[in-house]
PDB file of N, CA and C in Angstrom:
ATOM      1  N   MET A   1      22.926 -17.337  -5.297  1.00  0.00           N
ATOM      2  CA  MET A   1      23.054 -16.778  -3.961  1.00  0.00           C
ATOM      3  C   MET A   1      22.769 -15.279  -4.008  1.00  0.00           C
ATOM      4  N   ALA A   2      22.019 -14.801  -3.057  1.00  0.00           N
ATOM      5  CA  ALA A   2      21.628 -13.389  -3.023  1.00  0.00           C
ATOM      6  C   ALA A   2      22.799 -12.526  -2.580  1.00  0.00           C
ATOM      7  N   GLU A   3      22.898 -11.371  -3.203  1.00  0.00           N
ATOM      8  CA  GLU A   3      23.880 -10.410  -2.730  1.00  0.00           C
ATOM      9  C   GLU A   3      23.350  -9.786  -1.449  1.00  0.00           C
ATOM     10  N   GLN A   4      24.224  -9.391  -0.569  1.00  0.00           N
ATOM     11  CA  GLN A   4      23.820  -8.780   0.688  1.00  0.00           C
ATOM     12  C   GLN A   4      23.498  -7.307   0.449  1.00  0.00           C
ATOM     13  N   ILE A   5      22.282  -6.928   0.760  1.00  0.00           N
ATOM     14  CA  ILE A   5      21.827  -5.549   0.583  1.00  0.00           C
ATOM     15  C   ILE A   5      21.765  -4.897   1.960  1.00  0.00           C
ATOM     16  N   THR A   6      22.424  -3.759   2.096  1.00  0.00           N
ATOM     17  CA  THR A   6      22.432  -3.039   3.371  1.00  0.00           C
ATOM     18  C   THR A   6      21.382  -1.936   3.359  1.00  0.00           C
ATOM     19  N   GLN A   7      21.043  -1.460   4.544  1.00  0.00           N
ATOM     20  CA  GLN A   7      20.109  -0.334   4.648  1.00  0.00           C
ATOM     21  C   GLN A   7      20.698   0.894   3.961  1.00  0.00           C
ATOM     22  N   GLU A   8      22.017   1.041   4.030  1.00  0.00           N
ATOM     23  CA  GLU A   8      22.686   2.160   3.360  1.00  0.00           C
ATOM     24  C   GLU A   8      22.458   2.089   1.846  1.00  0.00           C
ATOM     25  N   GLN A   9      22.541   0.881   1.277  1.00  0.00           N
ATOM     26  CA  GLN A   9      22.297   0.704  -0.155  1.00  0.00           C
ATOM     27  C   GLN A   9      20.849   1.054  -0.498  1.00  0.00           C
ATOM     28  N   ILE A  10      19.909   0.613   0.333  1.00  0.00           N
ATOM     29  CA  ILE A  10      18.497   0.922   0.111  1.00  0.00           C
ATOM     30  C   ILE A  10      18.276   2.435   0.159  1.00  0.00           C
ATOM     31  N   ASN A  11      18.883   3.099   1.125  1.00  0.00           N
ATOM     32  CA  ASN A  11      18.765   4.552   1.227  1.00  0.00           C
ATOM     33  C   ASN A  11      19.337   5.245  -0.006  1.00  0.00           C
ATOM     34  N   ASP A  12      20.468   4.745  -0.509  1.00  0.00           N
ATOM     35  CA  ASP A  12      21.063   5.303  -1.736  1.00  0.00           C
ATOM     36  C   ASP A  12      20.114   5.132  -2.921  1.00  0.00           C
ATOM     37  N   TRP A  13      19.490   3.939  -3.033  1.00  0.00           N
ATOM     38  CA  TRP A  13      18.533   3.706  -4.120  1.00  0.00           C
ATOM     39  C   TRP A  13      17.357   4.660  -4.016  1.00  0.00           C
ATOM     40  N   LYS A  14      16.868   4.878  -2.800  1.00  0.00           N
ATOM     41  CA  LYS A  14      15.734   5.785  -2.604  1.00  0.00           C
ATOM     42  C   LYS A  14      16.095   7.205  -3.040  1.00  0.00           C
ATOM     43  N   LYS A  15      17.306   7.639  -2.715  1.00  0.00           N
ATOM     44  CA  LYS A  15      17.746   8.975  -3.135  1.00  0.00           C
ATOM     45  C   LYS A  15      17.837   9.075  -4.652  1.00  0.00           C
ATOM     46  N   LYS A  16      18.325   8.020  -5.277  1.00  0.00           N
ATOM     47  CA  LYS A  16      18.533   8.026  -6.728  1.00  0.00           C
ATOM     48  C   LYS A  16      17.250   7.781  -7.515  1.00  0.00           C
ATOM     49  N   HIS A  17      16.411   6.851  -7.039  1.00  0.00           N
ATOM     50  CA  HIS A  17      15.253   6.398  -7.820  1.00  0.00           C
ATOM     51  C   HIS A  17      13.900   6.748  -7.217  1.00  0.00           C
ATOM     52  N   GLY A  18      13.875   7.250  -5.990  1.00  0.00           N
ATOM     53  CA  GLY A  18      12.594   7.466  -5.317  1.00  0.00           C
ATOM     54  C   GLY A  18      12.174   6.193  -4.610  1.00  0.00           C
ATOM     55  N   GLU A  19      10.972   5.775  -4.865  1.00  0.00           N
ATOM     56  CA  GLU A  19      10.416   4.596  -4.198  1.00  0.00           C
ATOM     57  C   GLU A  19      11.168   3.321  -4.577  1.00  0.00           C
ATOM     58  N   VAL A  20      11.405   2.466  -3.577  1.00  0.00           N
ATOM     59  CA  VAL A  20      12.006   1.149  -3.786  1.00  0.00           C
ATOM     60  C   VAL A  20      10.963   0.114  -3.386  1.00  0.00           C
ATOM     61  N   ILE A  21      10.774  -0.884  -4.233  1.00  0.00           N
ATOM     62  CA  ILE A  21       9.775  -1.926  -3.996  1.00  0.00           C
ATOM     63  C   ILE A  21      10.497  -3.207  -3.608  1.00  0.00           C
ATOM     64  N   LEU A  22      10.112  -3.773  -2.480  1.00  0.00           N
ATOM     65  CA  LEU A  22      10.683  -5.025  -1.993  1.00  0.00           C
ATOM     66  C   LEU A  22       9.737  -6.158  -2.345  1.00  0.00           C
ATOM     67  N   TYR A  23      10.271  -7.198  -2.957  1.00  0.00           N
ATOM     68  CA  TYR A  23       9.498  -8.393  -3.287  1.00  0.00           C
ATOM     69  C   TYR A  23      10.155  -9.563  -2.576  1.00  0.00           C
ATOM     70  N   THR A  24       9.374 -10.365  -1.851  1.00  0.00           N
ATOM     71  CA  THR A  24       9.911 -11.530  -1.155  1.00  0.00           C
ATOM     72  C   THR A  24       9.116 -12.776  -1.518  1.00  0.00           C
ATOM     73  N   VAL A  25       9.824 -13.881  -1.605  1.00  0.00           N
ATOM     74  CA  VAL A  25       9.207 -15.189  -1.821  1.00  0.00           C
ATOM     75  C   VAL A  25      10.157 -16.233  -1.230  1.00  0.00           C
ATOM     76  N   ASP A  26       9.595 -17.165  -0.477  1.00  0.00           N
ATOM     77  CA  ASP A  26      10.416 -18.136   0.247  1.00  0.00           C
ATOM     78  C   ASP A  26      11.484 -17.364   1.021  1.00  0.00           C
ATOM     79  N   ASP A  27      12.735 -17.695   0.828  1.00  0.00           N
ATOM     80  CA  ASP A  27      13.819 -16.992   1.515  1.00  0.00           C
ATOM     81  C   ASP A  27      14.529 -16.015   0.577  1.00  0.00           C
ATOM     82  N   LYS A  28      13.878 -15.662  -0.522  1.00  0.00           N
ATOM     83  CA  LYS A  28      14.477 -14.803  -1.546  1.00  0.00           C
ATOM     84  C   LYS A  28      13.890 -13.392  -1.470  1.00  0.00           C
ATOM     85  N   VAL A  29      14.729 -12.410  -1.778  1.00  0.00           N
ATOM     86  CA  VAL A  29      14.281 -11.021  -1.810  1.00  0.00           C
ATOM     87  C   VAL A  29      14.781 -10.367  -3.087  1.00  0.00           C
ATOM     88  N   GLY A  30      13.973  -9.462  -3.600  1.00  0.00           N
ATOM     89  CA  GLY A  30      14.364  -8.678  -4.769  1.00  0.00           C
ATOM     90  C   GLY A  30      13.951  -7.239  -4.558  1.00  0.00           C
ATOM     91  N   TYR A  31      14.774  -6.330  -5.031  1.00  0.00           N
ATOM     92  CA  TYR A  31      14.505  -4.903  -4.914  1.00  0.00           C
ATOM     93  C   TYR A  31      14.348  -4.322  -6.307  1.00  0.00           C
ATOM     94  N   PHE A  32      13.284  -3.555  -6.477  1.00  0.00           N
ATOM     95  CA  PHE A  32      12.968  -2.954  -7.762  1.00  0.00           C
ATOM     96  C   PHE A  32      12.718  -1.463  -7.601  1.00  0.00           C
ATOM     97  N   ARG A  33      12.848  -0.731  -8.688  1.00  0.00           N
ATOM     98  CA  ARG A  33      12.473   0.680  -8.747  1.00  0.00           C
ATOM     99  C   ARG A  33      11.376   0.819  -9.783  1.00  0.00           C
ATOM    100  N   LYS A  34      10.746   1.959  -9.801  1.00  0.00           N
ATOM    101  CA  LYS A  34       9.698   2.203 -10.800  1.00  0.00           C
ATOM    102  C   LYS A  34      10.346   2.429 -12.173  1.00  0.00           C
ATOM    103  N   PRO A  35       9.675   2.006 -13.237  1.00  0.00           N
ATOM    104  CA  PRO A  35      10.228   2.199 -14.585  1.00  0.00           C
ATOM    105  C   PRO A  35      10.011   3.627 -15.081  1.00  0.00           C
ATOM    106  N   THR A  36      10.850   4.031 -16.004  1.00  0.00           N
ATOM    107  CA  THR A  36      10.669   5.322 -16.668  1.00  0.00           C
ATOM    108  C   THR A  36       9.696   5.144 -17.833  1.00  0.00           C
ATOM    109  N   ARG A  37       9.228   6.234 -18.352  1.00  0.00           N
ATOM    110  CA  ARG A  37       8.349   6.213 -19.521  1.00  0.00           C
ATOM    111  C   ARG A  37       9.037   5.503 -20.694  1.00  0.00           C
ATOM    112  N   GLN A  38      10.324   5.786 -20.871  1.00  0.00           N
ATOM    113  CA  GLN A  38      11.083   5.179 -21.963  1.00  0.00           C
ATOM    114  C   GLN A  38      11.205   3.667 -21.779  1.00  0.00           C
ATOM    115  N   GLU A  39      11.373   3.209 -20.542  1.00  0.00           N
ATOM    116  CA  GLU A  39      11.477   1.772 -20.290  1.00  0.00           C
ATOM    117  C   GLU A  39      10.150   1.066 -20.544  1.00  0.00           C
ATOM    118  N   ILE A  40       9.053   1.699 -20.183  1.00  0.00           N
ATOM    119  CA  ILE A  40       7.737   1.116 -20.468  1.00  0.00           C
ATOM    120  C   ILE A  40       7.521   1.033 -21.973  1.00  0.00           C
ATOM    121  N   SER A  41       7.905   2.073 -22.684  1.00  0.00           N
ATOM    122  CA  SER A  41       7.783   2.079 -24.140  1.00  0.00           C
ATOM    123  C   SER A  41       8.632   0.979 -24.765  1.00  0.00           C
ATOM    124  N   TYR A  42       9.867   0.861 -24.308  1.00  0.00           N
ATOM    125  CA  TYR A  42      10.764  -0.170 -24.830  1.00  0.00           C
ATOM    126  C   TYR A  42      10.207  -1.569 -24.565  1.00  0.00           C
ATOM    127  N   ALA A  43       9.704  -1.790 -23.350  1.00  0.00           N
ATOM    128  CA  ALA A  43       9.137  -3.100 -23.002  1.00  0.00           C
ATOM    129  C   ALA A  43       7.934  -3.416 -23.879  1.00  0.00           C
ATOM    130  N   SER A  44       7.146  -2.390 -24.180  1.00  0.00           N
ATOM    131  CA  SER A  44       5.983  -2.579 -25.045  1.00  0.00           C
ATOM    132  C   SER A  44       6.413  -2.999 -26.449  1.00  0.00           C
ATOM    133  N   VAL A  45       7.416  -2.339 -26.976  1.00  0.00           N
ATOM    134  CA  VAL A  45       7.920  -2.677 -28.314  1.00  0.00           C
ATOM    135  C   VAL A  45       8.573  -4.057 -28.299  1.00  0.00           C
ATOM    136  N   ALA A  46       9.371  -4.335 -27.270  1.00  0.00           N
ATOM    137  CA  ALA A  46      10.062  -5.622 -27.173  1.00  0.00           C
ATOM    138  C   ALA A  46       9.081  -6.784 -27.071  1.00  0.00           C
ATOM    139  N   SER A  47       7.880  -6.504 -26.588  1.00  0.00           N
ATOM    140  CA  SER A  47       6.880  -7.563 -26.420  1.00  0.00           C
ATOM    141  C   SER A  47       5.859  -7.566 -27.547  1.00  0.00           C
ATOM    142  N   SER A  48       6.234  -7.021 -28.699  1.00  0.00           N
ATOM    143  CA  SER A  48       5.339  -6.960 -29.861  1.00  0.00           C
ATOM    144  C   SER A  48       4.050  -6.245 -29.508  1.00  0.00           C
ATOM    145  N   GLN A  49       4.204  -5.023 -28.990  1.00  0.00           N
ATOM    146  CA  GLN A  49       3.073  -4.174 -28.610  1.00  0.00           C
ATOM    147  C   GLN A  49       2.170  -4.852 -27.590  1.00  0.00           C
ATOM    148  N   MET A  50       2.780  -5.413 -26.547  1.00  0.00           N
ATOM    149  CA  MET A  50       2.092  -6.010 -25.396  1.00  0.00           C
ATOM    150  C   MET A  50       1.410  -7.349 -25.718  1.00  0.00           C
ATOM    151  N   LYS A  51       1.737  -7.948 -26.835  1.00  0.00           N
ATOM    152  CA  LYS A  51       1.127  -9.238 -27.173  1.00  0.00           C
ATOM    153  C   LYS A  51       1.796 -10.387 -26.431  1.00  0.00           C
ATOM    154  N   ASP A  52       3.032 -10.180 -25.983  1.00  0.00           N
ATOM    155  CA  ASP A  52       3.773 -11.197 -25.246  1.00  0.00           C
ATOM    156  C   ASP A  52       3.971 -10.686 -23.811  1.00  0.00           C
ATOM    157  N   VAL A  53       3.060 -11.065 -22.931  1.00  0.00           N
ATOM    158  CA  VAL A  53       3.074 -10.566 -21.555  1.00  0.00           C
ATOM    159  C   VAL A  53       4.342 -10.995 -20.823  1.00  0.00           C
ATOM    160  N   ILE A  54       4.821 -12.192 -21.100  1.00  0.00           N
ATOM    161  CA  ILE A  54       6.042 -12.682 -20.454  1.00  0.00           C
ATOM    162  C   ILE A  54       7.226 -11.793 -20.846  1.00  0.00           C
ATOM    163  N   LYS A  55       7.364 -11.486 -22.118  1.00  0.00           N
ATOM    164  CA  LYS A  55       8.476 -10.648 -22.583  1.00  0.00           C
ATOM    165  C   LYS A  55       8.361  -9.238 -22.012  1.00  0.00           C
ATOM    166  N   TYR A  56       7.159  -8.690 -21.960  1.00  0.00           N
ATOM    167  CA  TYR A  56       6.934  -7.369 -21.379  1.00  0.00           C
ATOM    168  C   TYR A  56       7.389  -7.361 -19.923  1.00  0.00           C
ATOM    169  N   SER A  57       6.932  -8.350 -19.148  1.00  0.00           N
ATOM    170  CA  SER A  57       7.283  -8.441 -17.735  1.00  0.00           C
ATOM    171  C   SER A  57       8.784  -8.630 -17.554  1.00  0.00           C
ATOM    172  N   GLU A  58       9.364  -9.510 -18.353  1.00  0.00           N
ATOM    173  CA  GLU A  58      10.795  -9.778 -18.266  1.00  0.00           C
ATOM    174  C   GLU A  58      11.611  -8.520 -18.555  1.00  0.00           C
ATOM    175  N   THR A  59      11.235  -7.794 -19.581  1.00  0.00           N
ATOM    176  CA  THR A  59      11.953  -6.580 -19.955  1.00  0.00           C
ATOM    177  C   THR A  59      11.873  -5.538 -18.849  1.00  0.00           C
ATOM    178  N   LEU A  60      10.678  -5.304 -18.325  1.00  0.00           N
ATOM    179  CA  LEU A  60      10.524  -4.302 -17.263  1.00  0.00           C
ATOM    180  C   LEU A  60      11.198  -4.737 -15.965  1.00  0.00           C
ATOM    181  N   MET A  61      11.033  -5.986 -15.594  1.00  0.00           N
ATOM    182  CA  MET A  61      11.630  -6.446 -14.344  1.00  0.00           C
ATOM    183  C   MET A  61      13.153  -6.367 -14.407  1.00  0.00           C
ATOM    184  N   ASN A  62      13.738  -6.712 -15.533  1.00  0.00           N
ATOM    185  CA  ASN A  62      15.190  -6.606 -15.675  1.00  0.00           C
ATOM    186  C   ASN A  62      15.639  -5.147 -15.666  1.00  0.00           C
ATOM    187  N   SER A  63      14.876  -4.273 -16.294  1.00  0.00           N
ATOM    188  CA  SER A  63      15.225  -2.845 -16.318  1.00  0.00           C
ATOM    189  C   SER A  63      15.160  -2.222 -14.931  1.00  0.00           C
ATOM    190  N   CYS A  64      14.225  -2.673 -14.122  1.00  0.00           N
ATOM    191  CA  CYS A  64      13.965  -2.048 -12.822  1.00  0.00           C
ATOM    192  C   CYS A  64      14.633  -2.769 -11.660  1.00  0.00           C
ATOM    193  N   TRP A  65      15.320  -3.844 -11.939  1.00  0.00           N
ATOM    194  CA  TRP A  65      15.991  -4.622 -10.895  1.00  0.00           C
ATOM    195  C   TRP A  65      17.105  -3.801 -10.265  1.00  0.00           C
ATOM    196  N   LEU A  66      17.108  -3.737  -8.946  1.00  0.00           N
ATOM    197  CA  LEU A  66      18.169  -3.035  -8.222  1.00  0.00           C
ATOM    198  C   LEU A  66      19.131  -4.013  -7.561  1.00  0.00           C
ATOM    199  N   GLY A  67      18.613  -5.106  -7.047  1.00  0.00           N
ATOM    200  CA  GLY A  67      19.482  -6.074  -6.398  1.00  0.00           C
ATOM    201  C   GLY A  67      18.680  -7.121  -5.667  1.00  0.00           C
ATOM    202  N   GLY A  68      19.412  -8.079  -5.093  1.00  0.00           N
ATOM    203  CA  GLY A  68      18.768  -9.158  -4.364  1.00  0.00           C
ATOM    204  C   GLY A  68      19.126 -10.501  -4.960  1.00  0.00           C
ATOM    205  N   ASP A  69      18.241 -11.455  -4.815  1.00  0.00           N
ATOM    206  CA  ASP A  69      18.474 -12.817  -5.278  1.00  0.00           C
ATOM    207  C   ASP A  69      18.038 -12.957  -6.733  1.00  0.00           C
ATOM    208  N   ARG A  70      18.987 -13.133  -7.630  1.00  0.00           N
ATOM    209  CA  ARG A  70      18.717 -13.199  -9.072  1.00  0.00           C
ATOM    210  C   ARG A  70      17.824 -14.375  -9.460  1.00  0.00           C
ATOM    211  N   GLU A  71      17.671 -15.347  -8.594  1.00  0.00           N
ATOM    212  CA  GLU A  71      16.781 -16.470  -8.910  1.00  0.00           C
ATOM    213  C   GLU A  71      15.366 -15.977  -9.185  1.00  0.00           C
ATOM    214  N   ILE A  72      14.986 -14.863  -8.595  1.00  0.00           N
ATOM    215  CA  ILE A  72      13.655 -14.302  -8.832  1.00  0.00           C
ATOM    216  C   ILE A  72      13.475 -13.988 -10.313  1.00  0.00           C
ATOM    217  N   LEU A  73      14.522 -13.547 -10.950  1.00  0.00           N
ATOM    218  CA  LEU A  73      14.449 -13.224 -12.379  1.00  0.00           C
ATOM    219  C   LEU A  73      14.812 -14.404 -13.266  1.00  0.00           C
ATOM    220  N   ASP A  74      15.655 -15.291 -12.775  1.00  0.00           N
ATOM    221  CA  ASP A  74      16.221 -16.335 -13.620  1.00  0.00           C
ATOM    222  C   ASP A  74      15.477 -17.669 -13.608  1.00  0.00           C
ATOM    223  N   LYS A  75      14.830 -18.008 -12.504  1.00  0.00           N
ATOM    224  CA  LYS A  75      14.124 -19.294 -12.422  1.00  0.00           C
ATOM    225  C   LYS A  75      12.646 -19.082 -12.699  1.00  0.00           C
ATOM    226  N   ASP A  76      12.115 -19.860 -13.613  1.00  0.00           N
ATOM    227  CA  ASP A  76      10.721 -19.705 -14.033  1.00  0.00           C
ATOM    228  C   ASP A  76       9.735 -19.714 -12.868  1.00  0.00           C
ATOM    229  N   GLU A  77       9.919 -20.620 -11.924  1.00  0.00           N
ATOM    230  CA  GLU A  77       8.958 -20.728 -10.826  1.00  0.00           C
ATOM    231  C   GLU A  77       8.885 -19.448 -10.001  1.00  0.00           C
ATOM    232  N   TYR A  78      10.000 -18.758  -9.860  1.00  0.00           N
ATOM    233  CA  TYR A  78      10.003 -17.500  -9.129  1.00  0.00           C
ATOM    234  C   TYR A  78       9.596 -16.338 -10.035  1.00  0.00           C
ATOM    235  N   PHE A  79      10.094 -16.348 -11.258  1.00  0.00           N
ATOM    236  CA  PHE A  79       9.796 -15.259 -12.194  1.00  0.00           C
ATOM    237  C   PHE A  79       8.299 -15.143 -12.451  1.00  0.00           C
ATOM    238  N   ILE A  80       7.651 -16.254 -12.749  1.00  0.00           N
ATOM    239  CA  ILE A  80       6.216 -16.220 -13.065  1.00  0.00           C
ATOM    240  C   ILE A  80       5.426 -15.722 -11.853  1.00  0.00           C
ATOM    241  N   GLY A  81       5.825 -16.134 -10.667  1.00  0.00           N
ATOM    242  CA  GLY A  81       5.171 -15.636  -9.461  1.00  0.00           C
ATOM    243  C   GLY A  81       5.404 -14.155  -9.238  1.00  0.00           C
ATOM    244  N   ALA A  82       6.574 -13.682  -9.644  1.00  0.00           N
ATOM    245  CA  ALA A  82       6.935 -12.275  -9.443  1.00  0.00           C
ATOM    246  C   ALA A  82       6.346 -11.354 -10.502  1.00  0.00           C
ATOM    247  N   MET A  83       5.724 -11.890 -11.526  1.00  0.00           N
ATOM    248  CA  MET A  83       5.166 -11.035 -12.580  1.00  0.00           C
ATOM    249  C   MET A  83       4.167 -10.023 -12.016  1.00  0.00           C
ATOM    250  N   GLY A  84       3.552 -10.349 -10.891  1.00  0.00           N
ATOM    251  CA  GLY A  84       2.624  -9.420 -10.254  1.00  0.00           C
ATOM    252  C   GLY A  84       3.291  -8.147  -9.774  1.00  0.00           C
ATOM    253  N   VAL A  85       4.614  -8.171  -9.633  1.00  0.00           N
ATOM    254  CA  VAL A  85       5.329  -6.975  -9.204  1.00  0.00           C
ATOM    255  C   VAL A  85       5.221  -5.870 -10.255  1.00  0.00           C
ATOM    256  N   ILE A  86       4.942  -6.257 -11.502  1.00  0.00           N
ATOM    257  CA  ILE A  86       4.818  -5.270 -12.581  1.00  0.00           C
ATOM    258  C   ILE A  86       3.713  -4.269 -12.253  1.00  0.00           C
ATOM    259  N   GLU A  87       2.609  -4.741 -11.673  1.00  0.00           N
ATOM    260  CA  GLU A  87       1.520  -3.830 -11.303  1.00  0.00           C
ATOM    261  C   GLU A  87       2.010  -2.775 -10.323  1.00  0.00           C
ATOM    262  N   ALA A  88       2.800  -3.192  -9.339  1.00  0.00           N
ATOM    263  CA  ALA A  88       3.328  -2.240  -8.362  1.00  0.00           C
ATOM    264  C   ALA A  88       4.352  -1.310  -8.999  1.00  0.00           C
ATOM    265  N   LEU A  89       5.158  -1.839  -9.917  1.00  0.00           N
ATOM    266  CA  LEU A  89       6.177  -1.026 -10.573  1.00  0.00           C
ATOM    267  C   LEU A  89       5.557   0.040 -11.451  1.00  0.00           C
ATOM    268  N   ALA A  90       4.500  -0.319 -12.144  1.00  0.00           N
ATOM    269  CA  ALA A  90       3.898   0.588 -13.120  1.00  0.00           C
ATOM    270  C   ALA A  90       2.698   1.346 -12.557  1.00  0.00           C
ATOM    271  N   GLU A  91       2.526   1.350 -11.246  1.00  0.00           N
ATOM    272  CA  GLU A  91       1.411   2.070 -10.623  1.00  0.00           C
ATOM    273  C   GLU A  91       1.490   3.555 -10.989  1.00  0.00           C
ATOM    274  N   VAL A  92       0.381   4.089 -11.410  1.00  0.00           N
ATOM    275  CA  VAL A  92       0.338   5.485 -11.848  1.00  0.00           C
ATOM    276  C   VAL A  92      -0.762   6.235 -11.104  1.00  0.00           C
ATOM    277  N   LYS A  93      -0.685   7.533 -11.163  1.00  0.00           N
ATOM    278  CA  LYS A  93      -1.724   8.391 -10.588  1.00  0.00           C
ATOM    279  C   LYS A  93      -2.659   8.805 -11.721  1.00  0.00           C
ATOM    280  N   VAL A  94      -3.941   8.650 -11.503  1.00  0.00           N
ATOM    281  CA  VAL A  94      -4.924   8.988 -12.502  1.00  0.00           C
ATOM    282  C   VAL A  94      -5.720  10.200 -12.025  1.00  0.00           C
ATOM    283  N   GLY A  95      -5.816  11.198 -12.873  1.00  0.00           N
ATOM    284  CA  GLY A  95      -6.540  12.412 -12.526  1.00  0.00           C
ATOM    285  C   GLY A  95      -8.004  12.305 -12.899  1.00  0.00           C
ATOM    286  N   GLU A  96      -8.696  13.390 -12.721  1.00  0.00           N
ATOM    287  CA  GLU A  96     -10.130  13.468 -12.978  1.00  0.00           C
ATOM    288  C   GLU A  96     -10.366  14.340 -14.218  1.00  0.00           C
ATOM    289  N   ILE A  97     -11.309  13.924 -15.041  1.00  0.00           N
ATOM    290  CA  ILE A  97     -11.658  14.673 -16.239  1.00  0.00           C
ATOM    291  C   ILE A  97     -13.082  15.196 -16.096  1.00  0.00           C
ATOM    292  N   LYS A  98     -13.279  16.471 -16.380  1.00  0.00           N
ATOM    293  CA  LYS A  98     -14.614  17.074 -16.316  1.00  0.00           C
ATOM    294  C   LYS A  98     -14.847  17.902 -17.579  1.00  0.00           C
ATOM    295  N   LYS A  99     -16.046  17.805 -18.099  1.00  0.00           N
ATOM    296  CA  LYS A  99     -16.441  18.699 -19.194  1.00  0.00           C
ATOM    297  C   LYS A  99     -16.917  19.998 -18.568  1.00  0.00           C
ATOM    298  N   LEU A 100     -16.485  21.097 -19.105  1.00  0.00           N
ATOM    299  CA  LEU A 100     -16.876  22.414 -18.558  1.00  0.00           C
ATOM    300  C   LEU A 100     -17.787  23.128 -19.515  1.00  0.00           C
TER     301      LEU A 100
END
């Protein structure tokens, strides 16, 4: 059963973590924050240097989970579908390189 998330809780998460990412599937919702550099590094090591994509995704999604319906993380059918959230979580800004 999903915990009830209020707008006040979402606002608190935004103040603490910055951007909050909402993921929905069926009648389930999950709230995530962006990972830190250290969490990405840990997930990479935990997944044998990115060789185990499932372990990498699981590690990051658990680290960045803020609240919602835990079935998204716990049930394979929802978890595998939610793996795409990793792209949104790890979105980065890329600069431009020029030779001078």
